[in-house]
Protein backbone atom coordinates (compact mmCIF):
# COMPACT_ATOMS: atom_id res chain seq x y z
CA UNK A 1 -0.79 0.08 0.05
CA UNK A 2 0.78 3.52 -0.85
CA UNK A 3 2.08 5.98 1.64
CA UNK A 4 1.23 9.66 1.65
CA UNK A 5 4.81 11.43 1.67
CA UNK A 6 4.85 14.67 3.50
CA UNK A 7 8.13 17.03 2.52
CA UNK A 8 8.90 20.23 4.27
CA UNK A 9 7.66 23.31 2.49
CA UNK A 10 11.58 24.87 0.95
CA UNK A 11 12.62 28.17 2.32
CA UNK A 12 12.49 31.10 0.26
CA UNK A 13 15.55 32.00 0.84
CA UNK A 14 17.73 29.30 -0.38
CA UNK A 15 21.17 28.52 -1.98
CA UNK A 16 20.01 27.18 -5.45
CA UNK A 17 17.80 31.05 -5.24
CA UNK A 18 20.27 32.92 -3.84
CA UNK A 19 22.81 31.03 -7.29
CA UNK A 20 21.06 31.95 -8.87
CA UNK A 21 20.50 35.66 -7.92
CA UNK A 22 23.96 36.30 -8.17
CA UNK A 23 24.33 34.90 -11.50
CA UNK A 24 21.52 37.36 -12.93
CA UNK A 25 23.79 39.89 -11.46
CA UNK A 26 26.60 38.83 -12.79
CA UNK A 27 25.27 38.34 -16.15
CA UNK A 28 24.06 41.63 -15.53
CA UNK A 29 26.68 43.37 -15.01
CA UNK A 30 28.37 41.43 -17.88
CA UNK A 31 26.09 42.79 -20.26
CA UNK A 32 26.69 46.63 -18.85
CA UNK A 33 30.32 46.00 -19.94
CA UNK A 34 30.01 44.92 -22.72
CA UNK A 35 26.87 45.53 -24.99
CA UNK A 36 27.94 49.05 -25.16
CA UNK A 37 31.54 48.02 -27.46
CA UNK A 38 29.31 45.99 -29.64
CA UNK A 39 26.93 49.03 -29.91
CA UNK A 40 29.75 52.11 -30.40
CA UNK A 41 31.78 48.89 -33.02
CA UNK A 42 27.86 49.20 -35.27
CA UNK A 43 27.85 52.69 -34.95
CA UNK A 44 31.46 52.94 -36.63
CA UNK A 45 30.57 50.93 -38.86
CA UNK A 46 27.74 53.47 -40.14
CA UNK A 47 29.67 56.25 -39.78
CA UNK A 48 31.69 54.04 -42.63
CA UNK A 49 28.51 54.04 -44.64
CA UNK A 50 27.26 56.99 -44.69
CA UNK A 51 31.03 58.64 -45.74
CA UNK A 52 30.65 55.16 -48.09
CA UNK A 53 27.12 57.02 -49.74
CA UNK A 54 28.62 60.91 -49.57
CA UNK A 55 31.42 59.34 -51.69
CA UNK A 56 29.15 57.17 -54.52
CA UNK A 57 27.53 60.43 -54.98
CA UNK A 58 30.05 62.56 -56.39
CA UNK A 59 32.70 59.62 -57.22
CA UNK A 60 34.60 61.40 -59.97
CA UNK A 61 34.53 64.30 -58.08
CA UNK A 62 36.21 62.64 -55.09
CA UNK A 63 38.39 59.77 -57.16
CA UNK A 64 40.18 62.85 -59.05
CA UNK A 65 40.87 64.83 -56.29
CA UNK A 66 42.45 63.50 -53.54
CA UNK A 67 42.47 67.71 -51.49
CA UNK A 68 38.37 65.79 -51.80
CA UNK A 69 39.33 62.56 -50.15
CA UNK A 70 41.22 64.29 -47.77
CA UNK A 71 38.31 66.36 -46.67
CA UNK A 72 36.23 63.51 -46.60
CA UNK A 73 38.08 61.90 -44.26
CA UNK A 74 38.35 65.32 -42.10
CA UNK A 75 34.68 64.66 -41.97
CA UNK A 76 34.55 61.02 -40.64
CA UNK A 77 36.62 61.50 -38.77
CA UNK A 78 35.17 64.03 -36.77
CA UNK A 79 31.65 62.06 -37.23
CA UNK A 80 33.61 58.89 -35.16
CA UNK A 81 34.73 61.58 -33.13
CA UNK A 82 31.17 63.10 -32.67
CA UNK A 83 29.74 59.47 -32.12
CA UNK A 84 31.18 58.61 -28.98
CA UNK A 85 34.38 56.67 -30.17
CA UNK A 86 37.74 58.83 -28.73
CA UNK A 87 40.48 56.88 -28.62
CA UNK A 88 43.02 59.81 -29.09
CA UNK A 89 45.13 56.76 -31.58
CA UNK A 90 42.06 56.69 -33.62
CA UNK A 91 42.94 55.66 -37.42
CA UNK A 92 41.10 56.21 -40.14
CA UNK A 93 41.68 55.77 -43.77
CA UNK A 94 40.10 56.39 -47.67
CA UNK A 95 42.20 53.63 -49.98
CA UNK A 96 40.70 54.39 -54.03
CA UNK A 97 41.55 51.60 -56.02
CA UNK A 98 40.43 50.84 -59.66
CA UNK A 99 36.89 49.13 -58.95
CA UNK A 100 36.46 50.19 -55.08
CA UNK A 101 36.74 52.23 -52.04
CA UNK A 102 37.51 51.40 -48.68
CA UNK A 103 36.85 53.32 -45.59
CA UNK A 104 38.09 51.99 -42.39
CA UNK A 105 38.88 53.38 -39.51
CA UNK A 106 40.92 51.69 -36.12
CA UNK A 107 40.18 52.53 -32.10
CA UNK A 108 40.58 50.95 -29.15
CA UNK A 109 38.41 50.80 -25.41
CA UNK A 110 38.98 50.62 -22.59
CA UNK A 111 36.84 48.52 -19.87
CA UNK A 112 37.77 48.99 -15.80
CA UNK A 113 36.72 46.21 -13.38
CA UNK A 114 35.65 48.10 -10.25
CA UNK A 115 37.64 48.06 -7.14
CA UNK A 116 40.82 47.14 -9.56
CA UNK A 117 39.46 43.04 -9.93
CA UNK A 118 40.65 42.99 -12.67
CA UNK A 119 43.12 44.77 -14.20
CA UNK A 120 42.51 47.41 -16.84
CA UNK A 121 41.34 45.40 -20.62
CA UNK A 122 41.70 47.46 -24.14
CA UNK A 123 39.92 45.74 -26.78
CA UNK A 124 40.68 47.15 -30.47
CA UNK A 125 37.96 47.40 -33.46
CA UNK A 126 39.40 47.49 -36.73
CA UNK A 127 35.93 48.65 -38.85
CA UNK A 128 35.43 48.80 -42.96
CA UNK A 129 33.59 49.11 -45.79
CA UNK A 130 33.68 48.92 -49.09
CA UNK A 131 32.56 50.79 -51.96
CA UNK A 132 32.85 48.38 -55.27
CA UNK A 133 32.11 51.23 -58.65
């Protein structure tokens, strides 16, 4: 004959709920640290795409005039600074080949952890957008 088993009601705070809360807090903090890096890289690529559009709109002018290309590169660098990439060593370039134009940037971002739990981390990003013509 089957006997009824009585279980003790679990406490509201137990080891499993504490571990789950800590894992959730760690995940939220890691998202807080690393999500802005991803979003900033997307913004940098958007700036390169917009510069590529500006180039495509006046392609013969930019292909012939090196000074105009340099002004376009400076404007692209200023737009990078405007979207929040404030690396003093930011490098931008515009390369012209036979049938394509490459717009690019390389920059680094540093992440600091609270209480110096980990040493300062540097992330170097290189983004490039190519326009074929």
